[in-house]
Amino acid sequence: ATKEALTKDVLIGAQNIHSHEGFGAFTGEHSAAMLKDFGVDWVIVGHSERRHIFGDSLDTCAAKAKVALDAGLSVVFCVGEQLEEQEAGKTMEVVEGQLKPLADAISSEQWGRVVIAY
């Protein structure tokens, strides 16, 4: 009902998605199919809290993005370094390391529906 109340130029996003395809018993998680059913257009993947507090690995983040894109969602893929890494001058190394699994997982056509957030 919320989406219908919004103007057509407002898109709906979700803060997370699980990395498994289809429906299933993934308590507390949101599947790509569920988000599509709810009318969601975008999903955030790889936020620092998901990486550092919940333990989402680089490969998990890439898998989540791939599942979302395959389901027709667009992805805001978050990258960024920890303060210690920034102070050590490792920003580009860390960000490149976060993007490599994504680049390996998705097709060149899917990049058109990915926004990188730093």
PDB file of N, CA and C in Angstrom:
ATOM      1  N   ALA A   1       0.819  -1.198   0.000  1.00  0.00           N
ATOM      2  CA  ALA A   1       0.000   0.000   0.000  1.00  0.00           C
ATOM      3  C   ALA A   1       0.858   1.255   0.000  1.00  0.00           C
ATOM      4  N   THR A   2       2.030   1.183   0.632  1.00  0.00           N
ATOM      5  CA  THR A   2       2.894   2.360   0.696  1.00  0.00           C
ATOM      6  C   THR A   2       3.337   2.790  -0.691  1.00  0.00           C
ATOM      7  N   LYS A   3       3.758   1.836  -1.509  1.00  0.00           N
ATOM      8  CA  LYS A   3       4.262   2.168  -2.835  1.00  0.00           C
ATOM      9  C   LYS A   3       3.195   2.859  -3.679  1.00  0.00           C
ATOM     10  N   GLU A   4       1.967   2.416  -3.572  1.00  0.00           N
ATOM     11  CA  GLU A   4       0.885   3.017  -4.350  1.00  0.00           C
ATOM     12  C   GLU A   4       0.616   4.457  -3.918  1.00  0.00           C
ATOM     13  N   ALA A   5       0.914   4.773  -2.664  1.00  0.00           N
ATOM     14  CA  ALA A   5       0.676   6.122  -2.150  1.00  0.00           C
ATOM     15  C   ALA A   5       1.765   7.105  -2.575  1.00  0.00           C
ATOM     16  N   LEU A   6       2.879   6.605  -3.060  1.00  0.00           N
ATOM     17  CA  LEU A   6       4.003   7.458  -3.443  1.00  0.00           C
ATOM     18  C   LEU A   6       3.894   7.884  -4.902  1.00  0.00           C
ATOM     19  N   THR A   7       4.570   8.988  -5.217  1.00  0.00           N
ATOM     20  CA  THR A   7       4.629   9.396  -6.606  1.00  0.00           C
ATOM     21  C   THR A   7       5.490   8.397  -7.371  1.00  0.00           C
ATOM     22  N   LYS A   8       5.349   8.356  -8.666  1.00  0.00           N
ATOM     23  CA  LYS A   8       6.039   7.355  -9.496  1.00  0.00           C
ATOM     24  C   LYS A   8       7.561   7.524  -9.500  1.00  0.00           C
ATOM     25  N   ASP A   9       8.069   8.713  -9.121  1.00  0.00           N
ATOM     26  CA  ASP A   9       9.519   8.909  -9.145  1.00  0.00           C
ATOM     27  C   ASP A   9      10.186   8.553  -7.819  1.00  0.00           C
ATOM     28  N   VAL A  10       9.456   8.007  -6.862  1.00  0.00           N
ATOM     29  CA  VAL A  10      10.019   7.543  -5.597  1.00  0.00           C
ATOM     30  C   VAL A  10      10.154   6.031  -5.669  1.00  0.00           C
ATOM     31  N   LEU A  11      11.353   5.533  -5.366  1.00  0.00           N
ATOM     32  CA  LEU A  11      11.611   4.101  -5.386  1.00  0.00           C
ATOM     33  C   LEU A  11      11.778   3.602  -3.955  1.00  0.00           C
ATOM     34  N   ILE A  12      11.465   2.343  -3.737  1.00  0.00           N
ATOM     35  CA  ILE A  12      11.534   1.723  -2.417  1.00  0.00           C
ATOM     36  C   ILE A  12      12.795   0.863  -2.342  1.00  0.00           C
ATOM     37  N   GLY A  13      13.491   0.933  -1.198  1.00  0.00           N
ATOM     38  CA  GLY A  13      14.697   0.136  -0.995  1.00  0.00           C
ATOM     39  C   GLY A  13      14.642  -0.634   0.304  1.00  0.00           C
ATOM     40  N   ALA A  14      15.458  -1.669   0.390  1.00  0.00           N
ATOM     41  CA  ALA A  14      15.595  -2.477   1.600  1.00  0.00           C
ATOM     42  C   ALA A  14      17.035  -2.386   2.081  1.00  0.00           C
ATOM     43  N   GLN A  15      17.233  -2.605   3.372  1.00  0.00           N
ATOM     44  CA  GLN A  15      18.564  -2.464   3.957  1.00  0.00           C
ATOM     45  C   GLN A  15      19.411  -3.726   3.897  1.00  0.00           C
ATOM     46  N   ASN A  16      18.820  -4.845   3.535  1.00  0.00           N
ATOM     47  CA  ASN A  16      19.591  -6.083   3.506  1.00  0.00           C
ATOM     48  C   ASN A  16      18.812  -7.134   2.724  1.00  0.00           C
ATOM     49  N   ILE A  17      19.504  -8.188   2.342  1.00  0.00           N
ATOM     50  CA  ILE A  17      18.922  -9.314   1.620  1.00  0.00           C
ATOM     51  C   ILE A  17      19.763 -10.530   1.987  1.00  0.00           C
ATOM     52  N   HIS A  18      19.163 -11.708   1.966  1.00  0.00           N
ATOM     53  CA  HIS A  18      20.024 -12.871   2.204  1.00  0.00           C
ATOM     54  C   HIS A  18      20.542 -13.395   0.870  1.00  0.00           C
ATOM     55  N   SER A  19      21.553 -14.235   0.947  1.00  0.00           N
ATOM     56  CA  SER A  19      22.270 -14.630  -0.262  1.00  0.00           C
ATOM     57  C   SER A  19      21.737 -15.903  -0.911  1.00  0.00           C
ATOM     58  N   HIS A  20      20.597 -16.405  -0.462  1.00  0.00           N
ATOM     59  CA  HIS A  20      20.027 -17.614  -1.050  1.00  0.00           C
ATOM     60  C   HIS A  20      18.920 -17.244  -2.025  1.00  0.00           C
ATOM     61  N   GLU A  21      18.834 -17.973  -3.103  1.00  0.00           N
ATOM     62  CA  GLU A  21      17.808 -17.705  -4.106  1.00  0.00           C
ATOM     63  C   GLU A  21      16.470 -18.287  -3.680  1.00  0.00           C
ATOM     64  N   GLY A  22      15.402 -17.660  -4.133  1.00  0.00           N
ATOM     65  CA  GLY A  22      14.061 -18.180  -3.907  1.00  0.00           C
ATOM     66  C   GLY A  22      13.565 -17.974  -2.492  1.00  0.00           C
ATOM     67  N   PHE A  23      12.491 -18.682  -2.176  1.00  0.00           N
ATOM     68  CA  PHE A  23      11.899 -18.615  -0.851  1.00  0.00           C
ATOM     69  C   PHE A  23      12.514 -19.691   0.023  1.00  0.00           C
ATOM     70  N   GLY A  24      12.398 -19.530   1.323  1.00  0.00           N
ATOM     71  CA  GLY A  24      12.908 -20.544   2.228  1.00  0.00           C
ATOM     72  C   GLY A  24      12.777 -20.092   3.662  1.00  0.00           C
ATOM     73  N   ALA A  25      13.104 -20.972   4.557  1.00  0.00           N
ATOM     74  CA  ALA A  25      13.008 -20.687   5.987  1.00  0.00           C
ATOM     75  C   ALA A  25      14.304 -20.019   6.458  1.00  0.00           C
ATOM     76  N   PHE A  26      14.433 -18.748   6.190  1.00  0.00           N
ATOM     77  CA  PHE A  26      15.601 -17.978   6.601  1.00  0.00           C
ATOM     78  C   PHE A  26      15.116 -16.922   7.590  1.00  0.00           C
ATOM     79  N   THR A  27      14.768 -17.366   8.775  1.00  0.00           N
ATOM     80  CA  THR A  27      14.133 -16.523   9.785  1.00  0.00           C
ATOM     81  C   THR A  27      14.928 -15.243  10.015  1.00  0.00           C
ATOM     82  N   GLY A  28      14.231 -14.127   9.938  1.00  0.00           N
ATOM     83  CA  GLY A  28      14.850 -12.827  10.177  1.00  0.00           C
ATOM     84  C   GLY A  28      15.518 -12.230   8.958  1.00  0.00           C
ATOM     85  N   GLU A  29      15.505 -12.937   7.862  1.00  0.00           N
ATOM     86  CA  GLU A  29      16.139 -12.455   6.639  1.00  0.00           C
ATOM     87  C   GLU A  29      15.079 -12.162   5.584  1.00  0.00           C
ATOM     88  N   HIS A  30      15.492 -11.449   4.539  1.00  0.00           N
ATOM     89  CA  HIS A  30      14.590 -11.115   3.442  1.00  0.00           C
ATOM     90  C   HIS A  30      15.142 -11.710   2.149  1.00  0.00           C
ATOM     91  N   SER A  31      14.306 -12.453   1.456  1.00  0.00           N
ATOM     92  CA  SER A  31      14.735 -13.005   0.169  1.00  0.00           C
ATOM     93  C   SER A  31      14.479 -11.986  -0.930  1.00  0.00           C
ATOM     94  N   ALA A  32      15.162 -12.156  -2.030  1.00  0.00           N
ATOM     95  CA  ALA A  32      14.946 -11.292  -3.191  1.00  0.00           C
ATOM     96  C   ALA A  32      13.502 -11.410  -3.667  1.00  0.00           C
ATOM     97  N   ALA A  33      12.981 -12.621  -3.676  1.00  0.00           N
ATOM     98  CA  ALA A  33      11.592 -12.826  -4.115  1.00  0.00           C
ATOM     99  C   ALA A  33      10.615 -12.094  -3.202  1.00  0.00           C
ATOM    100  N   MET A  34      10.867 -12.125  -1.896  1.00  0.00           N
ATOM    101  CA  MET A  34      10.001 -11.428  -0.953  1.00  0.00           C
ATOM    102  C   MET A  34      10.050  -9.923  -1.189  1.00  0.00           C
ATOM    103  N   LEU A  35      11.250  -9.393  -1.383  1.00  0.00           N
ATOM    104  CA  LEU A  35      11.381  -7.952  -1.624  1.00  0.00           C
ATOM    105  C   LEU A  35      10.679  -7.546  -2.909  1.00  0.00           C
ATOM    106  N   LYS A  36      10.812  -8.349  -3.954  1.00  0.00           N
ATOM    107  CA  LYS A  36      10.112  -8.060  -5.212  1.00  0.00           C
ATOM    108  C   LYS A  36       8.596  -8.081  -4.997  1.00  0.00           C
ATOM    109  N   ASP A  37       8.109  -9.066  -4.241  1.00  0.00           N
ATOM    110  CA  ASP A  37       6.674  -9.141  -3.954  1.00  0.00           C
ATOM    111  C   ASP A  37       6.176  -7.891  -3.221  1.00  0.00           C
ATOM    112  N   PHE A  38       7.027  -7.306  -2.390  1.00  0.00           N
ATOM    113  CA  PHE A  38       6.667  -6.107  -1.640  1.00  0.00           C
ATOM    114  C   PHE A  38       6.812  -4.831  -2.471  1.00  0.00           C
ATOM    115  N   GLY A  39       7.300  -4.960  -3.702  1.00  0.00           N
ATOM    116  CA  GLY A  39       7.449  -3.796  -4.565  1.00  0.00           C
ATOM    117  C   GLY A  39       8.746  -3.039  -4.360  1.00  0.00           C
ATOM    118  N   VAL A  40       9.720  -3.671  -3.745  1.00  0.00           N
ATOM    119  CA  VAL A  40      11.024  -3.044  -3.505  1.00  0.00           C
ATOM    120  C   VAL A  40      11.792  -2.975  -4.821  1.00  0.00           C
ATOM    121  N   ASP A  41      12.488  -1.847  -5.030  1.00  0.00           N
ATOM    122  CA  ASP A  41      13.274  -1.639  -6.249  1.00  0.00           C
ATOM    123  C   ASP A  41      14.775  -1.809  -6.015  1.00  0.00           C
ATOM    124  N   TRP A  42      15.238  -1.396  -4.843  1.00  0.00           N
ATOM    125  CA  TRP A  42      16.661  -1.346  -4.521  1.00  0.00           C
ATOM    126  C   TRP A  42      16.938  -2.088  -3.217  1.00  0.00           C
ATOM    127  N   VAL A  43      18.180  -2.565  -3.074  1.00  0.00           N
ATOM    128  CA  VAL A  43      18.607  -3.153  -1.812  1.00  0.00           C
ATOM    129  C   VAL A  43      20.051  -2.717  -1.539  1.00  0.00           C
ATOM    130  N   ILE A  44      20.328  -2.436  -0.267  1.00  0.00           N
ATOM    131  CA  ILE A  44      21.679  -2.081   0.168  1.00  0.00           C
ATOM    132  C   ILE A  44      22.413  -3.375   0.519  1.00  0.00           C
ATOM    133  N   VAL A  45      23.620  -3.519   0.020  1.00  0.00           N
ATOM    134  CA  VAL A  45      24.438  -4.700   0.294  1.00  0.00           C
ATOM    135  C   VAL A  45      25.820  -4.239   0.746  1.00  0.00           C
ATOM    136  N   GLY A  46      26.355  -4.889   1.771  1.00  0.00           N
ATOM    137  CA  GLY A  46      27.738  -4.662   2.172  1.00  0.00           C
ATOM    138  C   GLY A  46      27.974  -3.477   3.079  1.00  0.00           C
ATOM    139  N   HIS A  47      26.943  -2.967   3.721  1.00  0.00           N
ATOM    140  CA  HIS A  47      27.142  -1.844   4.636  1.00  0.00           C
ATOM    141  C   HIS A  47      28.148  -2.251   5.707  1.00  0.00           C
ATOM    142  N   SER A  48      28.912  -1.299   6.187  1.00  0.00           N
ATOM    143  CA  SER A  48      29.980  -1.607   7.148  1.00  0.00           C
ATOM    144  C   SER A  48      29.464  -2.352   8.370  1.00  0.00           C
ATOM    145  N   GLU A  49      28.260  -2.038   8.833  1.00  0.00           N
ATOM    146  CA  GLU A  49      27.717  -2.753   9.988  1.00  0.00           C
ATOM    147  C   GLU A  49      27.463  -4.223   9.658  1.00  0.00           C
ATOM    148  N   ARG A  50      27.004  -4.501   8.441  1.00  0.00           N
ATOM    149  CA  ARG A  50      26.792  -5.889   8.040  1.00  0.00           C
ATOM    150  C   ARG A  50      28.133  -6.623   7.951  1.00  0.00           C
ATOM    151  N   ARG A  51      29.155  -5.936   7.465  1.00  0.00           N
ATOM    152  CA  ARG A  51      30.473  -6.569   7.333  1.00  0.00           C
ATOM    153  C   ARG A  51      31.132  -6.786   8.691  1.00  0.00           C
ATOM    154  N   HIS A  52      31.106  -5.753   9.521  1.00  0.00           N
ATOM    155  CA  HIS A  52      31.928  -5.782  10.743  1.00  0.00           C
ATOM    156  C   HIS A  52      31.189  -6.248  11.987  1.00  0.00           C
ATOM    157  N   ILE A  53      29.886  -6.073  12.051  1.00  0.00           N
ATOM    158  CA  ILE A  53      29.139  -6.520  13.223  1.00  0.00           C
ATOM    159  C   ILE A  53      28.516  -7.894  12.974  1.00  0.00           C
ATOM    160  N   PHE A  54      27.922  -8.071  11.792  1.00  0.00           N
ATOM    161  CA  PHE A  54      27.238  -9.322  11.491  1.00  0.00           C
ATOM    162  C   PHE A  54      28.118 -10.311  10.730  1.00  0.00           C
ATOM    163  N   GLY A  55      29.315  -9.912  10.351  1.00  0.00           N
ATOM    164  CA  GLY A  55      30.275 -10.832   9.754  1.00  0.00           C
ATOM    165  C   GLY A  55      30.065 -11.175   8.295  1.00  0.00           C
ATOM    166  N   ASP A  56      29.342 -10.331   7.545  1.00  0.00           N
ATOM    167  CA  ASP A  56      29.198 -10.595   6.113  1.00  0.00           C
ATOM    168  C   ASP A  56      30.571 -10.526   5.441  1.00  0.00           C
ATOM    169  N   SER A  57      30.987 -11.615   4.841  1.00  0.00           N
ATOM    170  CA  SER A  57      32.283 -11.664   4.159  1.00  0.00           C
ATOM    171  C   SER A  57      32.191 -10.971   2.801  1.00  0.00           C
ATOM    172  N   LEU A  58      33.342 -10.787   2.174  1.00  0.00           N
ATOM    173  CA  LEU A  58      33.364 -10.209   0.829  1.00  0.00           C
ATOM    174  C   LEU A  58      32.579 -11.085  -0.141  1.00  0.00           C
ATOM    175  N   ASP A  59      32.754 -12.399  -0.032  1.00  0.00           N
ATOM    176  CA  ASP A  59      32.038 -13.318  -0.914  1.00  0.00           C
ATOM    177  C   ASP A  59      30.538 -13.318  -0.629  1.00  0.00           C
ATOM    178  N   THR A  60      30.159 -13.188   0.642  1.00  0.00           N
ATOM    179  CA  THR A  60      28.735 -13.119   0.988  1.00  0.00           C
ATOM    180  C   THR A  60      28.107 -11.864   0.396  1.00  0.00           C
ATOM    181  N   CYS A  61      28.810 -10.750   0.490  1.00  0.00           N
ATOM    182  CA  CYS A  61      28.283  -9.494  -0.074  1.00  0.00           C
ATOM    183  C   CYS A  61      28.110  -9.616  -1.587  1.00  0.00           C
ATOM    184  N   ALA A  62      29.080 -10.213  -2.250  1.00  0.00           N
ATOM    185  CA  ALA A  62      28.970 -10.405  -3.700  1.00  0.00           C
ATOM    186  C   ALA A  62      27.806 -11.334  -4.030  1.00  0.00           C
ATOM    187  N   ALA A  63      27.635 -12.400  -3.242  1.00  0.00           N
ATOM    188  CA  ALA A  63      26.532 -13.338  -3.479  1.00  0.00           C
ATOM    189  C   ALA A  63      25.177 -12.659  -3.272  1.00  0.00           C
ATOM    190  N   LYS A  64      25.072 -11.820  -2.244  1.00  0.00           N
ATOM    191  CA  LYS A  64      23.825 -11.091  -2.002  1.00  0.00           C
ATOM    192  C   LYS A  64      23.510 -10.174  -3.186  1.00  0.00           C
ATOM    193  N   ALA A  65      24.514  -9.474  -3.670  1.00  0.00           N
ATOM    194  CA  ALA A  65      24.311  -8.581  -4.815  1.00  0.00           C
ATOM    195  C   ALA A  65      23.879  -9.374  -6.042  1.00  0.00           C
ATOM    196  N   LYS A  66      24.505 -10.498  -6.290  1.00  0.00           N
ATOM    197  CA  LYS A  66      24.176 -11.338  -7.444  1.00  0.00           C
ATOM    198  C   LYS A  66      22.734 -11.836  -7.373  1.00  0.00           C
ATOM    199  N   VAL A  67      22.318 -12.324  -6.199  1.00  0.00           N
ATOM    200  CA  VAL A  67      20.947 -12.804  -6.020  1.00  0.00           C
ATOM    201  C   VAL A  67      19.957 -11.666  -6.269  1.00  0.00           C
ATOM    202  N   ALA A  68      20.260 -10.492  -5.733  1.00  0.00           N
ATOM    203  CA  ALA A  68      19.377  -9.330  -5.913  1.00  0.00           C
ATOM    204  C   ALA A  68      19.267  -8.961  -7.388  1.00  0.00           C
ATOM    205  N   LEU A  69      20.397  -8.862  -8.051  1.00  0.00           N
ATOM    206  CA  LEU A  69      20.397  -8.479  -9.468  1.00  0.00           C
ATOM    207  C   LEU A  69      19.689  -9.516 -10.326  1.00  0.00           C
ATOM    208  N   ASP A  70      19.933 -10.786 -10.043  1.00  0.00           N
ATOM    209  CA  ASP A  70      19.275 -11.853 -10.805  1.00  0.00           C
ATOM    210  C   ASP A  70      17.756 -11.807 -10.638  1.00  0.00           C
ATOM    211  N   ALA A  71      17.299 -11.295  -9.500  1.00  0.00           N
ATOM    212  CA  ALA A  71      15.864 -11.197  -9.232  1.00  0.00           C
ATOM    213  C   ALA A  71      15.256  -9.916  -9.802  1.00  0.00           C
ATOM    214  N   GLY A  72      16.080  -9.056 -10.388  1.00  0.00           N
ATOM    215  CA  GLY A  72      15.569  -7.824 -10.973  1.00  0.00           C
ATOM    216  C   GLY A  72      15.637  -6.614 -10.073  1.00  0.00           C
ATOM    217  N   LEU A  73      16.260  -6.752  -8.905  1.00  0.00           N
ATOM    218  CA  LEU A  73      16.465  -5.614  -8.014  1.00  0.00           C
ATOM    219  C   LEU A  73      17.714  -4.860  -8.439  1.00  0.00           C
ATOM    220  N   SER A  74      17.794  -3.600  -8.063  1.00  0.00           N
ATOM    221  CA  SER A  74      19.019  -2.823  -8.232  1.00  0.00           C
ATOM    222  C   SER A  74      19.743  -2.795  -6.887  1.00  0.00           C
ATOM    223  N   VAL A  75      21.052  -2.580  -6.909  1.00  0.00           N
ATOM    224  CA  VAL A  75      21.873  -2.730  -5.713  1.00  0.00           C
ATOM    225  C   VAL A  75      22.681  -1.476  -5.424  1.00  0.00           C
ATOM    226  N   VAL A  76      22.643  -1.047  -4.173  1.00  0.00           N
ATOM    227  CA  VAL A  76      23.591  -0.063  -3.650  1.00  0.00           C
ATOM    228  C   VAL A  76      24.643  -0.896  -2.932  1.00  0.00           C
ATOM    229  N   PHE A  77      25.831  -0.988  -3.524  1.00  0.00           N
ATOM    230  CA  PHE A  77      26.902  -1.819  -2.978  1.00  0.00           C
ATOM    231  C   PHE A  77      27.862  -0.932  -2.196  1.00  0.00           C
ATOM    232  N   CYS A  78      27.902  -1.142  -0.892  1.00  0.00           N
ATOM    233  CA  CYS A  78      28.698  -0.283  -0.006  1.00  0.00           C
ATOM    234  C   CYS A  78      30.127  -0.792   0.117  1.00  0.00           C
ATOM    235  N   VAL A  79      31.059   0.133   0.059  1.00  0.00           N
ATOM    236  CA  VAL A  79      32.473  -0.176   0.254  1.00  0.00           C
ATOM    237  C   VAL A  79      33.053   0.858   1.203  1.00  0.00           C
ATOM    238  N   GLY A  80      34.171   0.529   1.797  1.00  0.00           N
ATOM    239  CA  GLY A  80      34.843   1.483   2.658  1.00  0.00           C
ATOM    240  C   GLY A  80      35.781   0.792   3.623  1.00  0.00           C
ATOM    241  N   GLU A  81      36.728   1.553   4.083  1.00  0.00           N
ATOM    242  CA  GLU A  81      37.762   1.034   4.952  1.00  0.00           C
ATOM    243  C   GLU A  81      37.478   1.408   6.405  1.00  0.00           C
ATOM    244  N   GLN A  82      38.101   0.676   7.311  1.00  0.00           N
ATOM    245  CA  GLN A  82      38.088   1.015   8.734  1.00  0.00           C
ATOM    246  C   GLN A  82      39.068   2.163   8.965  1.00  0.00           C
ATOM    247  N   LEU A  83      38.927   2.867  10.069  1.00  0.00           N
ATOM    248  CA  LEU A  83      39.803   3.997  10.382  1.00  0.00           C
ATOM    249  C   LEU A  83      41.275   3.581  10.364  1.00  0.00           C
ATOM    250  N   GLU A  84      41.566   2.427  10.935  1.00  0.00           N
ATOM    251  CA  GLU A  84      42.961   1.956  10.973  1.00  0.00           C
ATOM    252  C   GLU A  84      43.512   1.737   9.573  1.00  0.00           C
ATOM    253  N   GLU A  85      42.685   1.225   8.692  1.00  0.00           N
ATOM    254  CA  GLU A  85      43.106   0.999   7.314  1.00  0.00           C
ATOM    255  C   GLU A  85      43.321   2.319   6.591  1.00  0.00           C
ATOM    256  N   GLN A  86      42.446   3.285   6.854  1.00  0.00           N
ATOM    257  CA  GLN A  86      42.603   4.612   6.255  1.00  0.00           C
ATOM    258  C   GLN A  86      43.900   5.258   6.721  1.00  0.00           C
ATOM    259  N   GLU A  87      44.143   5.206   8.022  1.00  0.00           N
ATOM    260  CA  GLU A  87      45.360   5.808   8.579  1.00  0.00           C
ATOM    261  C   GLU A  87      46.621   5.135   8.069  1.00  0.00           C
ATOM    262  N   ALA A  88      46.513   3.861   7.695  1.00  0.00           N
ATOM    263  CA  ALA A  88      47.663   3.125   7.151  1.00  0.00           C
ATOM    264  C   ALA A  88      47.805   3.319   5.642  1.00  0.00           C
ATOM    265  N   GLY A  89      46.939   4.152   5.041  1.00  0.00           N
ATOM    266  CA  GLY A  89      47.014   4.412   3.607  1.00  0.00           C
ATOM    267  C   GLY A  89      46.541   3.255   2.743  1.00  0.00           C
ATOM    268  N   LYS A  90      45.653   2.426   3.267  1.00  0.00           N
ATOM    269  CA  LYS A  90      45.209   1.232   2.547  1.00  0.00           C
ATOM    270  C   LYS A  90      43.814   1.364   1.935  1.00  0.00           C
ATOM    271  N   THR A  91      43.314   2.590   1.800  1.00  0.00           N
ATOM    272  CA  THR A  91      41.947   2.780   1.314  1.00  0.00           C
ATOM    273  C   THR A  91      41.713   2.092  -0.023  1.00  0.00           C
ATOM    274  N   MET A  92      42.530   2.376  -1.018  1.00  0.00           N
ATOM    275  CA  MET A  92      42.310   1.804  -2.349  1.00  0.00           C
ATOM    276  C   MET A  92      42.450   0.287  -2.340  1.00  0.00           C
ATOM    277  N   GLU A  93      43.405  -0.217  -1.590  1.00  0.00           N
ATOM    278  CA  GLU A  93      43.596  -1.668  -1.494  1.00  0.00           C
ATOM    279  C   GLU A  93      42.347  -2.338  -0.914  1.00  0.00           C
ATOM    280  N   VAL A  94      41.792  -1.750   0.141  1.00  0.00           N
ATOM    281  CA  VAL A  94      40.607  -2.314   0.781  1.00  0.00           C
ATOM    282  C   VAL A  94      39.406  -2.243  -0.156  1.00  0.00           C
ATOM    283  N   VAL A  95      39.183  -1.088  -0.768  1.00  0.00           N
ATOM    284  CA  VAL A  95      38.023  -0.916  -1.648  1.00  0.00           C
ATOM    285  C   VAL A  95      38.129  -1.834  -2.869  1.00  0.00           C
ATOM    286  N   GLU A  96      39.302  -1.925  -3.456  1.00  0.00           N
ATOM    287  CA  GLU A  96      39.486  -2.840  -4.587  1.00  0.00           C
ATOM    288  C   GLU A  96      39.207  -4.280  -4.153  1.00  0.00           C
ATOM    289  N   GLY A  97      39.654  -4.643  -2.944  1.00  0.00           N
ATOM    290  CA  GLY A  97      39.398  -5.987  -2.427  1.00  0.00           C
ATOM    291  C   GLY A  97      37.922  -6.257  -2.206  1.00  0.00           C
ATOM    292  N   GLN A  98      37.166  -5.217  -1.866  1.00  0.00           N
ATOM    293  CA  GLN A  98      35.725  -5.375  -1.678  1.00  0.00           C
ATOM    294  C   GLN A  98      34.986  -5.470  -3.012  1.00  0.00           C
ATOM    295  N   LEU A  99      35.504  -4.802  -4.028  1.00  0.00           N
ATOM    296  CA  LEU A  99      34.846  -4.803  -5.336  1.00  0.00           C
ATOM    297  C   LEU A  99      35.171  -6.032  -6.189  1.00  0.00           C
ATOM    298  N   LYS A 100      36.328  -6.640  -5.986  1.00  0.00           N
ATOM    299  CA  LYS A 100      36.738  -7.774  -6.821  1.00  0.00           C
ATOM    300  C   LYS A 100      35.742  -8.924  -6.783  1.00  0.00           C
ATOM    301  N   PRO A 101      35.293  -9.389  -5.605  1.00  0.00           N
ATOM    302  CA  PRO A 101      34.315 -10.479  -5.617  1.00  0.00           C
ATOM    303  C   PRO A 101      33.015 -10.101  -6.329  1.00  0.00           C
ATOM    304  N   LEU A 102      32.609  -8.852  -6.221  1.00  0.00           N
ATOM    305  CA  LEU A 102      31.411  -8.403  -6.939  1.00  0.00           C
ATOM    306  C   LEU A 102      31.648  -8.469  -8.440  1.00  0.00           C
ATOM    307  N   ALA A 103      32.791  -7.951  -8.882  1.00  0.00           N
ATOM    308  CA  ALA A 103      33.109  -7.960 -10.316  1.00  0.00           C
ATOM    309  C   ALA A 103      33.170  -9.382 -10.858  1.00  0.00           C
ATOM    310  N   ASP A 104      33.643 -10.315 -10.045  1.00  0.00           N
ATOM    311  CA  ASP A 104      33.716 -11.714 -10.470  1.00  0.00           C
ATOM    312  C   ASP A 104      32.345 -12.382 -10.504  1.00  0.00           C
ATOM    313  N   ALA A 105      31.395 -11.865  -9.714  1.00  0.00           N
ATOM    314  CA  ALA A 105      30.101 -12.528  -9.551  1.00  0.00           C
ATOM    315  C   ALA A 105      29.028 -12.068 -10.528  1.00  0.00           C
ATOM    316  N   ILE A 106      29.115 -10.830 -11.007  1.00  0.00           N
ATOM    317  CA  ILE A 106      28.008 -10.304 -11.812  1.00  0.00           C
ATOM    318  C   ILE A 106      28.442 -10.086 -13.261  1.00  0.00           C
ATOM    319  N   SER A 107      27.446 -10.012 -14.117  1.00  0.00           N
ATOM    320  CA  SER A 107      27.724  -9.818 -15.547  1.00  0.00           C
ATOM    321  C   SER A 107      27.944  -8.339 -15.856  1.00  0.00           C
ATOM    322  N   SER A 108      28.525  -8.079 -17.003  1.00  0.00           N
ATOM    323  CA  SER A 108      28.747  -6.686 -17.410  1.00  0.00           C
ATOM    324  C   SER A 108      27.424  -5.945 -17.580  1.00  0.00           C
ATOM    325  N   GLU A 109      26.373  -6.642 -17.992  1.00  0.00           N
ATOM    326  CA  GLU A 109      25.068  -6.010 -18.147  1.00  0.00           C
ATOM    327  C   GLU A 109      24.475  -5.604 -16.798  1.00  0.00           C
ATOM    328  N   GLN A 110      24.765  -6.375 -15.758  1.00  0.00           N
ATOM    329  CA  GLN A 110      24.203  -6.086 -14.438  1.00  0.00           C
ATOM    330  C   GLN A 110      24.805  -4.839 -13.795  1.00  0.00           C
ATOM    331  N   TRP A 111      25.986  -4.428 -14.219  1.00  0.00           N
ATOM    332  CA  TRP A 111      26.613  -3.230 -13.643  1.00  0.00           C
ATOM    333  C   TRP A 111      25.739  -1.991 -13.815  1.00  0.00           C
ATOM    334  N   GLY A 112      24.873  -1.981 -14.803  1.00  0.00           N
ATOM    335  CA  GLY A 112      23.991  -0.842 -15.027  1.00  0.00           C
ATOM    336  C   GLY A 112      22.957  -0.645 -13.927  1.00  0.00           C
ATOM    337  N   ARG A 113      22.801  -1.656 -13.064  1.00  0.00           N
ATOM    338  CA  ARG A 113      21.856  -1.554 -11.954  1.00  0.00           C
ATOM    339  C   ARG A 113      22.562  -1.602 -10.604  1.00  0.00           C
ATOM    340  N   VAL A 114      23.848  -1.206 -10.613  1.00  0.00           N
ATOM    341  CA  VAL A 114      24.642  -1.174  -9.379  1.00  0.00           C
ATOM    342  C   VAL A 114      25.143   0.251  -9.158  1.00  0.00           C
ATOM    343  N   VAL A 115      24.972   0.716  -7.934  1.00  0.00           N
ATOM    344  CA  VAL A 115      25.564   1.987  -7.505  1.00  0.00           C
ATOM    345  C   VAL A 115      26.569   1.630  -6.410  1.00  0.00           C
ATOM    346  N   ILE A 116      27.773   2.180  -6.518  1.00  0.00           N
ATOM    347  CA  ILE A 116      28.783   1.960  -5.488  1.00  0.00           C
ATOM    348  C   ILE A 116      28.712   3.122  -4.504  1.00  0.00           C
ATOM    349  N   ALA A 117      28.541   2.806  -3.228  1.00  0.00           N
ATOM    350  CA  ALA A 117      28.487   3.829  -2.183  1.00  0.00           C
ATOM    351  C   ALA A 117      29.731   3.723  -1.334  1.00  0.00           C
ATOM    352  N   TYR A 118      30.451   4.848  -1.195  1.00  0.00           N
ATOM    353  CA  TYR A 118      31.647   4.879  -0.364  1.00  0.00           C
ATOM    354  C   TYR A 118      31.391   5.773   0.825  1.00  0.00           C
TER     355      TYR A 118
END
